[in-house]
C-alpha atoms as a PDB file:
ATOM      1  CA  MET A   1      -0.176   0.134  -0.387  1.00  0.00           C
ATOM      2  CA  LYS A   2       3.011   2.163   1.127  1.00  0.00           C
ATOM      3  CA  ASP A   3       4.564   1.484  -2.537  1.00  0.00           C
ATOM      4  CA  THR A   4       0.918   2.682  -4.153  1.00  0.00           C
ATOM      5  CA  TYR A   5       0.856   5.713  -2.388  1.00  0.00           C
ATOM      6  CA  GLU A   6       4.363   6.632  -3.693  1.00  0.00           C
ATOM      7  CA  ARG A   7       4.373   5.715  -6.669  1.00  0.00           C
ATOM      8  CA  ILE A   8       0.609   7.967  -6.729  1.00  0.00           C
ATOM      9  CA  ASN A   9       2.719  10.764  -5.397  1.00  0.00           C
ATOM     10  CA  ASN A  10       5.766  11.141  -7.510  1.00  0.00           C
ATOM     11  CA  THR A  11       3.329  10.591 -10.677  1.00  0.00           C
ATOM     12  CA  CYS A  12       1.724  13.700  -9.425  1.00  0.00           C
ATOM     13  CA  ILE A  13       4.707  15.131  -9.146  1.00  0.00           C
ATOM     14  CA  VAL A  14       5.748  15.123 -12.063  1.00  0.00           C
ATOM     15  CA  ILE A  15       2.580  16.220 -13.542  1.00  0.00           C
ATOM     16  CA  LEU A  16       2.101  19.249 -11.776  1.00  0.00           C
ATOM     17  CA  THR A  17       6.256  19.734 -12.524  1.00  0.00           C
ATOM     18  CA  PHE A  18       5.612  19.560 -16.387  1.00  0.00           C
ATOM     19  CA  ILE A  19       2.920  22.323 -16.051  1.00  0.00           C
ATOM     20  CA  ALA A  20       4.495  24.822 -14.121  1.00  0.00           C
ATOM     21  CA  ILE A  21       7.469  24.081 -16.363  1.00  0.00           C
ATOM     22  CA  THR A  22       5.031  24.809 -19.847  1.00  0.00           C
ATOM     23  CA  VAL A  23       3.468  27.440 -17.616  1.00  0.00           C
ATOM     24  CA  ALA A  24       6.992  29.020 -17.266  1.00  0.00           C
ATOM     25  CA  LEU A  25       7.751  28.109 -20.992  1.00  0.00           C
ATOM     26  CA  ILE A  26       4.816  29.736 -22.279  1.00  0.00           C
ATOM     27  CA  TYR A  27       5.460  33.246 -20.556  1.00  0.00           C
ATOM     28  CA  THR A  28       9.363  33.440 -20.599  1.00  0.00           C
ATOM     29  CA  LYS A  29       9.014  32.636 -24.380  1.00  0.00           C
ATOM     30  CA  THR A  30      10.585  36.143 -25.526  1.00  0.00           C
ATOM     31  CA  VAL A  31      13.768  35.929 -23.192  1.00  0.00           C
ATOM     32  CA  LEU A  32      14.722  31.725 -23.827  1.00  0.00           C
ATOM     33  CA  ILE A  33      13.569  31.527 -27.553  1.00  0.00           C
ATOM     34  CA  PRO A  34      16.257  33.943 -28.901  1.00  0.00           C
ATOM     35  CA  PHE A  35      18.358  32.321 -26.193  1.00  0.00           C
ATOM     36  CA  VAL A  36      17.352  28.234 -27.667  1.00  0.00           C
ATOM     37  CA  ILE A  37      17.828  29.760 -30.890  1.00  0.00           C
ATOM     38  CA  SER A  38      22.092  31.809 -29.995  1.00  0.00           C
ATOM     39  CA  LEU A  39      22.722  28.102 -28.111  1.00  0.00           C
ATOM     40  CA  PHE A  40      21.915  25.802 -31.542  1.00  0.00           C
ATOM     41  CA  ILE A  41      23.916  28.839 -33.969  1.00  0.00           C
ATOM     42  CA  PHE A  42      26.808  28.676 -31.429  1.00  0.00           C
ATOM     43  CA  SER A  43      26.499  24.624 -31.263  1.00  0.00           C
ATOM     44  CA  VAL A  44      27.091  24.840 -34.981  1.00  0.00           C
ATOM     45  CA  SER A  45      29.538  27.618 -35.689  1.00  0.00           C
ATOM     46  CA  GLY A  46      32.038  26.664 -32.685  1.00  0.00           C
ATOM     47  CA  PRO A  47      33.350  24.026 -34.859  1.00  0.00           C
ATOM     48  CA  VAL A  48      33.586  26.065 -37.749  1.00  0.00           C
ATOM     49  CA  ILE A  49      35.530  28.968 -35.624  1.00  0.00           C
ATOM     50  CA  ASP A  50      37.542  25.747 -34.444  1.00  0.00           C
ATOM     51  CA  TRP A  51      38.196  24.379 -38.217  1.00  0.00           C
ATOM     52  CA  PHE A  52      39.609  28.220 -38.904  1.00  0.00           C
ATOM     53  CA  GLN A  53      42.126  27.938 -36.282  1.00  0.00           C
ATOM     54  CA  LYS A  54      43.211  24.599 -36.341  1.00  0.00           C
ATOM     55  CA  LYS A  55      43.053  23.482 -40.382  1.00  0.00           C
ATOM     56  CA  LEU A  56      43.758  27.552 -41.641  1.00  0.00           C
ATOM     57  CA  LYS A  57      45.779  28.936 -38.452  1.00  0.00           C
ATOM     58  CA  ILE A  58      43.824  32.133 -37.748  1.00  0.00           C
ATOM     59  CA  PRO A  59      43.944  33.620 -34.761  1.00  0.00           C
ATOM     60  CA  ARG A  60      40.826  32.869 -32.569  1.00  0.00           C
ATOM     61  CA  SER A  61      39.663  36.403 -33.142  1.00  0.00           C
ATOM     62  CA  ILE A  62      39.766  36.580 -37.102  1.00  0.00           C
ATOM     63  CA  SER A  63      38.454  33.347 -36.921  1.00  0.00           C
ATOM     64  CA  VAL A  64      34.469  34.358 -34.975  1.00  0.00           C
ATOM     65  CA  ILE A  65      34.855  38.010 -36.799  1.00  0.00           C
ATOM     66  CA  LEU A  66      35.073  35.193 -40.377  1.00  0.00           C
ATOM     67  CA  THR A  67      32.411  33.344 -39.425  1.00  0.00           C
ATOM     68  CA  MET A  68      29.783  35.948 -38.235  1.00  0.00           C
ATOM     69  CA  ALA A  69      30.482  37.777 -41.089  1.00  0.00           C
ATOM     70  CA  ILE A  70      29.959  34.295 -43.836  1.00  0.00           C
ATOM     71  CA  PHE A  71      26.325  34.544 -41.788  1.00  0.00           C
ATOM     72  CA  LEU A  72      25.256  37.788 -41.920  1.00  0.00           C
ATOM     73  CA  VAL A  73      26.171  38.260 -45.177  1.00  0.00           C
ATOM     74  CA  GLY A  74      23.615  35.294 -46.166  1.00  0.00           C
ATOM     75  CA  SER A  75      21.326  36.029 -44.418  1.00  0.00           C
ATOM     76  CA  PHE A  76      21.293  39.828 -45.359  1.00  0.00           C
ATOM     77  CA  PHE A  77      21.632  38.443 -49.352  1.00  0.00           C
ATOM     78  CA  VAL A  78      18.546  36.060 -48.933  1.00  0.00           C
ATOM     79  CA  SER A  79      16.610  38.654 -46.633  1.00  0.00           C
ATOM     80  CA  LEU A  80      17.200  41.239 -49.603  1.00  0.00           C
ATOM     81  CA  LEU A  81      15.570  38.660 -51.945  1.00  0.00           C
ATOM     82  CA  VAL A  82      12.661  37.396 -50.051  1.00  0.00           C
ATOM     83  CA  VAL A  83      11.623  41.078 -49.434  1.00  0.00           C
ATOM     84  CA  LYS A  84      12.283  41.643 -52.777  1.00  0.00           C
ATOM     85  CA  SER A  85      10.038  38.972 -53.996  1.00  0.00           C
ATOM     86  CA  LEU A  86       6.919  40.000 -51.462  1.00  0.00           C
ATOM     87  CA  ASN A  87       7.321  43.542 -52.692  1.00  0.00           C
ATOM     88  CA  THR A  88       6.751  42.058 -56.107  1.00  0.00           C
ATOM     89  CA  PHE A  89       3.810  40.190 -55.177  1.00  0.00           C
ATOM     90  CA  ILE A  90       2.325  43.069 -53.453  1.00  0.00           C
ATOM     91  CA  ASN A  91       2.701  45.534 -56.536  1.00  0.00           C
ATOM     92  CA  GLY A  92       0.773  42.262 -58.753  1.00  0.00           C
ATOM     93  CA  ILE A  93      -2.207  41.904 -56.176  1.00  0.00           C
ATOM     94  CA  ASP A  94      -4.244  43.749 -58.721  1.00  0.00           C
ATOM     95  CA  GLU A  95      -3.421  40.887 -61.038  1.00  0.00           C
ATOM     96  CA  TYR A  96      -4.037  38.433 -58.998  1.00  0.00           C
ATOM     97  CA  GLN A  97      -7.165  39.343 -57.602  1.00  0.00           C
ATOM     98  CA  GLU A  98      -7.980  40.154 -61.612  1.00  0.00           C
ATOM     99  CA  ARG A  99      -6.633  36.707 -62.170  1.00  0.00           C
ATOM    100  CA  PHE A 100      -8.909  34.893 -59.502  1.00  0.00           C
ATOM    101  CA  THR A 101     -12.086  36.463 -60.621  1.00  0.00           C
ATOM    102  CA  GLN A 102     -11.514  34.989 -63.732  1.00  0.00           C
ATOM    103  CA  THR A 103     -11.057  31.731 -62.545  1.00  0.00           C
ATOM    104  CA  VAL A 104     -13.952  32.048 -60.107  1.00  0.00           C
ATOM    105  CA  GLU A 105     -15.966  32.576 -63.436  1.00  0.00           C
ATOM    106  CA  GLY A 106     -14.842  29.668 -64.701  1.00  0.00           C
ATOM    107  CA  SER A 107     -15.235  27.544 -62.062  1.00  0.00           C
ATOM    108  CA  VAL A 108     -18.698  28.408 -61.184  1.00  0.00           C
ATOM    109  CA  SER A 109     -19.568  28.640 -64.638  1.00  0.00           C
ATOM    110  CA  LEU A 110     -18.385  24.930 -65.013  1.00  0.00           C
ATOM    111  CA  LEU A 111     -20.417  24.070 -62.186  1.00  0.00           C
ATOM    112  CA  ASN A 112     -23.542  25.375 -63.544  1.00  0.00           C
ATOM    113  CA  ASP A 113     -22.758  23.604 -66.747  1.00  0.00           C
ATOM    114  CA  TYR A 114     -23.165  20.387 -64.134  1.00  0.00           C
ATOM    115  CA  GLY A 115     -26.454  21.130 -62.325  1.00  0.00           C
ATOM    116  CA  ILE A 116     -24.899  22.671 -58.856  1.00  0.00           C
ATOM    117  CA  GLU A 117     -25.838  26.252 -58.233  1.00  0.00           C
ATOM    118  CA  LEU A 118     -23.290  28.702 -57.513  1.00  0.00           C
ATOM    119  CA  ASN A 119     -23.358  32.945 -56.519  1.00  0.00           C
ATOM    120  CA  GLY A 120     -20.444  34.049 -58.026  1.00  0.00           C
ATOM    121  CA  GLU A 121     -21.083  37.410 -57.250  1.00  0.00           C
ATOM    122  CA  ARG A 122     -21.193  36.317 -53.462  1.00  0.00           C
ATOM    123  CA  ILE A 123     -17.694  34.443 -53.894  1.00  0.00           C
ATOM    124  CA  ARG A 124     -16.106  37.569 -55.303  1.00  0.00           C
ATOM    125  CA  GLU A 125     -17.462  40.288 -53.420  1.00  0.00           C
ATOM    126  CA  SER A 126     -16.310  37.868 -50.362  1.00  0.00           C
ATOM    127  CA  PHE A 127     -12.971  38.030 -51.869  1.00  0.00           C
ATOM    128  CA  ARG A 128     -12.926  41.661 -52.356  1.00  0.00           C
ATOM    129  CA  GLU A 129     -12.939  41.977 -48.239  1.00  0.00           C
ATOM    130  CA  LEU A 130     -10.566  39.744 -47.258  1.00  0.00           C
ATOM    131  CA  PRO A 131      -7.841  42.226 -45.177  1.00  0.00           C
ATOM    132  CA  ILE A 132      -5.210  41.374 -47.479  1.00  0.00           C
ATOM    133  CA  PHE A 133      -3.106  45.101 -46.988  1.00  0.00           C
ATOM    134  CA  SER A 134      -3.981  44.924 -42.759  1.00  0.00           C
ATOM    135  CA  ILE A 135      -2.176  40.836 -43.056  1.00  0.00           C
ATOM    136  CA  PHE A 136       0.385  42.720 -44.722  1.00  0.00           C
ATOM    137  CA  LYS A 137       0.654  45.112 -42.566  1.00  0.00           C
ATOM    138  CA  LYS A 138       0.839  42.269 -39.819  1.00  0.00           C
ATOM    139  CA  LEU A 139       3.406  40.377 -41.555  1.00  0.00           C
ATOM    140  CA  THR A 140       5.947  43.740 -41.934  1.00  0.00           C
ATOM    141  CA  GLY A 141       5.762  44.195 -37.918  1.00  0.00           C
ATOM    142  CA  GLN A 142       6.647  40.752 -37.263  1.00  0.00           C
ATOM    143  CA  LEU A 143       9.348  41.170 -40.113  1.00  0.00           C
ATOM    144  CA  VAL A 144      10.508  44.491 -38.142  1.00  0.00           C
ATOM    145  CA  SER A 145       9.768  41.736 -34.265  1.00  0.00           C
ATOM    146  CA  PHE A 146      12.513  39.460 -35.914  1.00  0.00           C
ATOM    147  CA  ILE A 147      15.438  41.484 -37.263  1.00  0.00           C
ATOM    148  CA  SER A 148      15.204  42.721 -33.789  1.00  0.00           C
ATOM    149  CA  ASN A 149      15.335  39.520 -32.363  1.00  0.00           C
ATOM    150  CA  ALA A 150      17.928  38.370 -35.246  1.00  0.00           C
ATOM    151  CA  ILE A 151      20.572  40.976 -33.834  1.00  0.00           C
ATOM    152  CA  LEU A 152      19.723  40.454 -30.232  1.00  0.00           C
ATOM    153  CA  ILE A 153      20.384  36.493 -31.294  1.00  0.00           C
ATOM    154  CA  MET A 154      23.714  37.928 -32.930  1.00  0.00           C
ATOM    155  CA  ILE A 155      24.420  39.667 -29.671  1.00  0.00           C
ATOM    156  CA  MET A 156      24.387  36.519 -27.698  1.00  0.00           C
ATOM    157  CA  VAL A 157      26.113  33.776 -30.106  1.00  0.00           C
ATOM    158  CA  LEU A 158      29.137  36.944 -29.971  1.00  0.00           C
ATOM    159  CA  PHE A 159      28.723  36.686 -25.659  1.00  0.00           C
ATOM    160  CA  LEU A 160      28.735  32.326 -25.781  1.00  0.00           C
ATOM    161  CA  ILE A 161      31.914  32.216 -28.203  1.00  0.00           C
ATOM    162  CA  GLY A 162      33.409  34.798 -26.011  1.00  0.00           C
ATOM    163  CA  GLY A 163      33.208  32.178 -23.823  1.00  0.00           C
ATOM    164  CA  GLY A 164      35.379  29.499 -25.055  1.00  0.00           C
ATOM    165  CA  ALA A 165      35.354  26.929 -27.692  1.00  0.00           C
ATOM    166  CA  THR A 166      33.338  23.795 -28.365  1.00  0.00           C
ATOM    167  CA  SER A 167      36.373  22.171 -28.253  1.00  0.00           C
ATOM    168  CA  GLU A 168      37.336  23.060 -24.395  1.00  0.00           C
ATOM    169  CA  ILE A 169      34.022  21.675 -23.348  1.00  0.00           C
ATOM    170  CA  GLN A 170      35.047  19.114 -20.750  1.00  0.00           C
ATOM    171  CA  ASN A 171      32.239  17.546 -19.658  1.00  0.00           C
ATOM    172  CA  VAL A 172      31.142  14.101 -21.348  1.00  0.00           C
ATOM    173  CA  THR A 173      26.764  14.820 -21.837  1.00  0.00           C
ATOM    174  CA  LEU A 174      27.886  18.426 -23.333  1.00  0.00           C
ATOM    175  CA  GLN A 175      30.219  17.088 -25.546  1.00  0.00           C
ATOM    176  CA  GLN A 176      27.392  14.627 -26.429  1.00  0.00           C
ATOM    177  CA  VAL A 177      24.618  17.340 -26.778  1.00  0.00           C
ATOM    178  CA  GLN A 178      27.217  19.417 -29.407  1.00  0.00           C
ATOM    179  CA  TYR A 179      27.891  16.737 -31.309  1.00  0.00           C
ATOM    180  CA  LYS A 180      24.372  16.020 -31.535  1.00  0.00           C
ATOM    181  CA  VAL A 181      22.629  19.219 -32.186  1.00  0.00           C
ATOM    182  CA  SER A 182      25.611  20.146 -34.592  1.00  0.00           C
ATOM    183  CA  LYS A 183      25.812  17.002 -36.712  1.00  0.00           C
ATOM    184  CA  TYR A 184      21.359  17.719 -36.860  1.00  0.00           C
ATOM    185  CA  VAL A 185      21.820  21.182 -38.103  1.00  0.00           C
ATOM    186  CA  ALA A 186      24.433  20.754 -40.495  1.00  0.00           C
ATOM    187  CA  THR A 187      22.725  17.733 -42.203  1.00  0.00           C
ATOM    188  CA  LYS A 188      19.179  19.678 -41.708  1.00  0.00           C
ATOM    189  CA  PHE A 189      20.906  22.877 -43.377  1.00  0.00           C
ATOM    190  CA  THR A 190      22.781  20.949 -46.144  1.00  0.00           C
ATOM    191  CA  VAL A 191      19.975  18.799 -46.519  1.00  0.00           C
ATOM    192  CA  SER A 192      17.469  21.400 -47.149  1.00  0.00           C
ATOM    193  CA  PHE A 193      19.978  23.846 -49.299  1.00  0.00           C
ATOM    194  CA  ILE A 194      19.584  21.161 -51.686  1.00  0.00           C
ATOM    195  CA  THR A 195      16.304  20.313 -51.460  1.00  0.00           C
ATOM    196  CA  ALA A 196      15.344  24.536 -52.169  1.00  0.00           C
ATOM    197  CA  LEU A 197      18.025  24.815 -54.643  1.00  0.00           C
ATOM    198  CA  LEU A 198      16.096  21.670 -56.898  1.00  0.00           C
ATOM    199  CA  ILE A 199      12.666  23.377 -56.250  1.00  0.00           C
ATOM    200  CA  ALA A 200      14.038  26.511 -57.806  1.00  0.00           C
ATOM    201  CA  ILE A 201      15.997  25.133 -60.489  1.00  0.00           C
ATOM    202  CA  LEU A 202      12.310  23.135 -61.318  1.00  0.00           C
ATOM    203  CA  PHE A 203      10.308  26.724 -60.638  1.00  0.00           C
ATOM    204  CA  PHE A 204      12.500  28.767 -62.715  1.00  0.00           C
ATOM    205  CA  GLY A 205      12.461  26.314 -65.680  1.00  0.00           C
ATOM    206  CA  PHE A 206       8.675  26.940 -65.695  1.00  0.00           C
ATOM    207  CA  SER A 207       8.775  30.403 -64.932  1.00  0.00           C
ATOM    208  CA  VAL A 208       6.654  30.311 -62.077  1.00  0.00           C
ATOM    209  CA  GLU A 209       5.895  33.852 -60.175  1.00  0.00           C
ATOM    210  CA  LEU A 210       7.877  34.271 -56.526  1.00  0.00           C
ATOM    211  CA  ALA A 211      10.016  31.567 -57.306  1.00  0.00           C
ATOM    212  CA  PHE A 212      12.782  32.576 -54.846  1.00  0.00           C
ATOM    213  CA  MET A 213      10.513  32.912 -52.657  1.00  0.00           C
ATOM    214  CA  PHE A 214       8.800  29.453 -52.506  1.00  0.00           C
ATOM    215  CA  ALA A 215      12.526  28.103 -53.011  1.00  0.00           C
ATOM    216  CA  VAL A 216      13.438  30.095 -49.321  1.00  0.00           C
ATOM    217  CA  LEU A 217      10.160  28.819 -47.726  1.00  0.00           C
ATOM    218  CA  THR A 218      10.887  25.376 -48.944  1.00  0.00           C
ATOM    219  CA  PHE A 219      14.870  26.009 -46.982  1.00  0.00           C
ATOM    220  CA  LEU A 220      12.921  26.729 -44.154  1.00  0.00           C
ATOM    221  CA  LEU A 221      10.336  24.759 -43.450  1.00  0.00           C
ATOM    222  CA  ASN A 222      11.887  21.472 -44.110  1.00  0.00           C
ATOM    223  CA  PHE A 223      13.549  22.422 -40.582  1.00  0.00           C
ATOM    224  CA  ILE A 224      10.151  21.328 -39.245  1.00  0.00           C
ATOM    225  CA  PRO A 225      10.108  17.772 -39.055  1.00  0.00           C
ATOM    226  CA  SER A 226       7.095  15.737 -41.720  1.00  0.00           C
ATOM    227  CA  VAL A 227       4.645  18.631 -41.467  1.00  0.00           C
ATOM    228  CA  GLY A 228       7.097  21.647 -43.282  1.00  0.00           C
ATOM    229  CA  SER A 229       7.945  19.470 -46.599  1.00  0.00           C
ATOM    230  CA  ILE A 230       4.471  18.862 -46.851  1.00  0.00           C
ATOM    231  CA  ILE A 231       3.755  23.049 -46.598  1.00  0.00           C
ATOM    232  CA  ALA A 232       6.483  23.877 -48.542  1.00  0.00           C
ATOM    233  CA  THR A 233       4.758  21.640 -51.431  1.00  0.00           C
ATOM    234  CA  LEU A 234       1.292  23.023 -50.992  1.00  0.00           C
ATOM    235  CA  LEU A 235       2.328  26.704 -50.958  1.00  0.00           C
ATOM    236  CA  PRO A 236       2.829  27.473 -54.056  1.00  0.00           C
ATOM    237  CA  VAL A 237      -0.474  25.846 -55.358  1.00  0.00           C
ATOM    238  CA  PRO A 238      -2.394  29.240 -55.134  1.00  0.00           C
ATOM    239  CA  VAL A 239      -0.047  30.755 -57.144  1.00  0.00           C
ATOM    240  CA  LEU A 240       0.436  27.740 -59.967  1.00  0.00           C
ATOM    241  CA  ILE A 241      -3.531  27.672 -59.678  1.00  0.00           C
ATOM    242  CA  LEU A 242      -4.005  31.578 -61.114  1.00  0.00           C
ATOM    243  CA  GLN A 243      -0.486  31.195 -63.062  1.00  0.00           C
ATOM    244  CA  PHE A 244      -1.562  28.099 -65.047  1.00  0.00           C
ATOM    245  CA  GLY A 245      -5.103  26.981 -64.634  1.00  0.00           C
ATOM    246  CA  PHE A 246      -5.548  23.391 -63.719  1.00  0.00           C
ATOM    247  CA  GLY A 247      -3.444  21.967 -66.449  1.00  0.00           C
ATOM    248  CA  LEU A 248      -0.456  20.138 -67.340  1.00  0.00           C
ATOM    249  CA  LYS A 249       2.213  22.005 -66.367  1.00  0.00           C
ATOM    250  CA  MET A 250       0.703  22.473 -62.680  1.00  0.00           C
ATOM    251  CA  ALA A 251       0.233  18.954 -62.544  1.00  0.00           C
ATOM    252  CA  ILE A 252       4.197  18.307 -63.827  1.00  0.00           C
ATOM    253  CA  ILE A 253       5.297  20.886 -61.151  1.00  0.00           C
ATOM    254  CA  LEU A 254       3.532  19.796 -58.263  1.00  0.00           C
ATOM    255  CA  LEU A 255       4.767  16.529 -58.912  1.00  0.00           C
ATOM    256  CA  ALA A 256       8.070  16.899 -59.592  1.00  0.00           C
ATOM    257  CA  SER A 257       8.193  18.960 -56.318  1.00  0.00           C
ATOM    258  CA  PHE A 258       6.907  15.824 -54.820  1.00  0.00           C
ATOM    259  CA  LEU A 259       9.219  13.708 -56.055  1.00  0.00           C
ATOM    260  CA  ILE A 260      12.262  15.666 -54.636  1.00  0.00           C
ATOM    261  CA  GLN A 261      10.693  16.586 -51.013  1.00  0.00           C
ATOM    262  CA  PHE A 262      10.285  12.327 -51.040  1.00  0.00           C
ATOM    263  CA  ILE A 263      13.032  11.745 -52.088  1.00  0.00           C
ATOM    264  CA  ILE A 264      15.295  13.546 -50.573  1.00  0.00           C
ATOM    265  CA  GLY A 265      13.374  13.317 -47.424  1.00  0.00           C
ATOM    266  CA  ASN A 266      13.079   9.232 -46.893  1.00  0.00           C
ATOM    267  CA  VAL A 267      16.067   8.304 -48.527  1.00  0.00           C
ATOM    268  CA  ILE A 268      18.777  11.201 -49.153  1.00  0.00           C
ATOM    269  CA  GLU A 269      18.409  12.407 -46.123  1.00  0.00           C
ATOM    270  CA  PRO A 270      18.121   9.690 -43.677  1.00  0.00           C
ATOM    271  CA  LYS A 271      21.887   8.145 -45.064  1.00  0.00           C
ATOM    272  CA  LEU A 272      23.710  11.915 -44.374  1.00  0.00           C
ATOM    273  CA  MET A 273      22.023  11.657 -40.630  1.00  0.00           C
ATOM    274  CA  GLY A 274      23.479   8.084 -40.107  1.00  0.00           C
ATOM    275  CA  GLU A 275      22.569   7.008 -36.308  1.00  0.00           C
ATOM    276  CA  ASN A 276      20.383  10.515 -36.136  1.00  0.00           C
ATOM    277  CA  LEU A 277      19.505  10.996 -33.380  1.00  0.00           C
ATOM    278  CA  GLY A 278      17.665   7.970 -31.762  1.00  0.00           C
ATOM    279  CA  LEU A 279      14.528   9.485 -31.849  1.00  0.00           C
ATOM    280  CA  HIS A 280      11.279   7.425 -32.512  1.00  0.00           C
ATOM    281  CA  PRO A 281       9.454   9.395 -35.546  1.00  0.00           C
ATOM    282  CA  ILE A 282       6.221   9.389 -32.335  1.00  0.00           C
ATOM    283  CA  ALA A 283       8.041  11.685 -30.117  1.00  0.00           C
ATOM    284  CA  ILE A 284       9.263  13.740 -32.521  1.00  0.00           C
ATOM    285  CA  LEU A 285       5.410  14.137 -34.189  1.00  0.00           C
ATOM    286  CA  LEU A 286       4.209  14.726 -30.027  1.00  0.00           C
ATOM    287  CA  PHE A 287       6.889  17.598 -28.952  1.00  0.00           C
ATOM    288  CA  LEU A 288       6.620  19.045 -32.479  1.00  0.00           C
ATOM    289  CA  LEU A 289       2.756  19.450 -31.559  1.00  0.00           C
ATOM    290  CA  PHE A 290       4.393  20.356 -27.562  1.00  0.00           C
ATOM    291  CA  TRP A 291       7.140  22.991 -28.736  1.00  0.00           C
ATOM    292  CA  GLY A 292       4.324  24.558 -31.636  1.00  0.00           C
ATOM    293  CA  LEU A 293       1.780  24.639 -28.623  1.00  0.00           C
ATOM    294  CA  VAL A 294       4.286  26.114 -26.434  1.00  0.00           C
ATOM    295  CA  TRP A 295       6.322  28.843 -28.374  1.00  0.00           C
ATOM    296  CA  GLY A 296       4.065  29.007 -32.144  1.00  0.00           C
ATOM    297  CA  ILE A 297       6.268  28.684 -34.929  1.00  0.00           C
ATOM    298  CA  PRO A 298       9.464  28.722 -33.959  1.00  0.00           C
ATOM    299  CA  GLY A 299       9.000  26.052 -31.276  1.00  0.00           C
ATOM    300  CA  MET A 300       8.220  23.858 -34.318  1.00  0.00           C
ATOM    301  CA  PHE A 301      11.782  24.681 -36.041  1.00  0.00           C
ATOM    302  CA  LEU A 302      12.882  23.928 -32.423  1.00  0.00           C
ATOM    303  CA  ALA A 303      11.373  20.850 -31.283  1.00  0.00           C
ATOM    304  CA  VAL A 304      13.533  18.749 -32.736  1.00  0.00           C
ATOM    305  CA  PRO A 305      17.141  19.495 -31.569  1.00  0.00           C
ATOM    306  CA  ILE A 306      15.385  20.746 -27.907  1.00  0.00           C
ATOM    307  CA  THR A 307      13.917  17.018 -27.783  1.00  0.00           C
ATOM    308  CA  ALA A 308      17.225  15.450 -29.199  1.00  0.00           C
ATOM    309  CA  VAL A 309      18.951  17.397 -26.199  1.00  0.00           C
ATOM    310  CA  LEU A 310      16.466  16.635 -23.176  1.00  0.00           C
ATOM    311  CA  LYS A 311      16.499  12.899 -24.395  1.00  0.00           C
ATOM    312  CA  ILE A 312      20.967  13.133 -23.586  1.00  0.00           C
ATOM    313  CA  VAL A 313      19.804  14.757 -20.490  1.00  0.00           C
ATOM    314  CA  PHE A 314      17.603  12.200 -19.616  1.00  0.00           C
ATOM    315  CA  SER A 315      19.591   9.155 -20.481  1.00  0.00           C
ATOM    316  CA  ARG A 316      22.308  10.596 -17.948  1.00  0.00           C
ATOM    317  CA  ILE A 317      20.369  10.848 -14.596  1.00  0.00           C
ATOM    318  CA  GLU A 318      18.923   7.606 -13.209  1.00  0.00           C
ATOM    319  CA  THR A 319      15.045   8.272 -12.742  1.00  0.00           C
ATOM    320  CA  THR A 320      14.660   9.785 -15.891  1.00  0.00           C
ATOM    321  CA  LYS A 321      16.360   6.571 -18.336  1.00  0.00           C
ATOM    322  CA  ARG A 322      13.506   4.679 -18.387  1.00  0.00           C
ATOM    323  CA  PHE A 323      12.070   8.019 -20.204  1.00  0.00           C
ATOM    324  CA  SER A 324      14.505   8.287 -22.911  1.00  0.00           C
ATOM    325  CA  ARG A 325      14.309   4.643 -23.745  1.00  0.00           C
ATOM    326  CA  LEU A 326      10.372   5.792 -24.212  1.00  0.00           C
ATOM    327  CA  LEU A 327      11.441   8.438 -26.797  1.00  0.00           C
ATOM    328  CA  GLU A 328      13.830   6.238 -28.592  1.00  0.00           C
ATOM    329  CA  GLY A 329      10.223   3.914 -28.799  1.00  0.00           C
ATOM    330  CA  LYS A 330      11.647   1.601 -26.879  1.00  0.00           C
ATOM    331  CA  LEU A 331       8.546  -0.217 -24.445  1.00  0.00           C
ATOM    332  CA  ASP A 332      10.541  -2.456 -22.502  1.00  0.00           C
END
């Protein structure tokens, strides 16, 4: 009886602790999200800085400057091209509205021919009343917020790098965390870049509008496991419909995009990832939903590396080893 009460008591404590931590994560996300992102950037930039030092014999201070400069220039270049693509889209809203109207009229006429009565004028009016410009205003505000957070993240990364090199870490657990995270981020970056490059070649080859923006979104969304590649494949569909209609060219583009995502995500990426992070797909999906609920879209991007870190930490603590094995999908 005593053992039963102890188990119930421990279970209740664990549940209450989990709820308290979740609430704390939600209320402190403004600070924690930039900090966690800076930690992951540090875990990846650390080996690059060490490589500059050891292989090219460059002093550490210059290696740090070179690494951060490469990151900043690349981010600025991509952001500039994305903003240009968005401006092109905004300037062409009237044209897209006209195309949409024509598409709606054609679809309504076709459905009416088959005996399905629809009010085309009401559908067009509903579209005109959509708060498109207010949505873009919100997106602009989010972009400014993202830029300010990016500056904060870079400052945090500089302080972390100034604290010491990743090669100086002596703790075994921290070494394992750094290795797993840096390998995951580096592999995911490579795979996402290859996917985005192939999508860009496909879209530019067919002269798809906003091709570069869709390529960049493909790169970013591929960091979200499982769901990201599906969203990246479906995002261009409205533009493809407005540009090409329901024809053969649209079907070819969608099929090719799906094959690129499927082959790279299910064949090439597992081989590059090797032993992977030791996480069961169901565990990844559950934590993807959890971190998405807690931290929104940034949480979905960070879900896998955070869960991998938790698994490593749990495996080092005697009382949580069973939970670590559960994340691996081992139910024994």
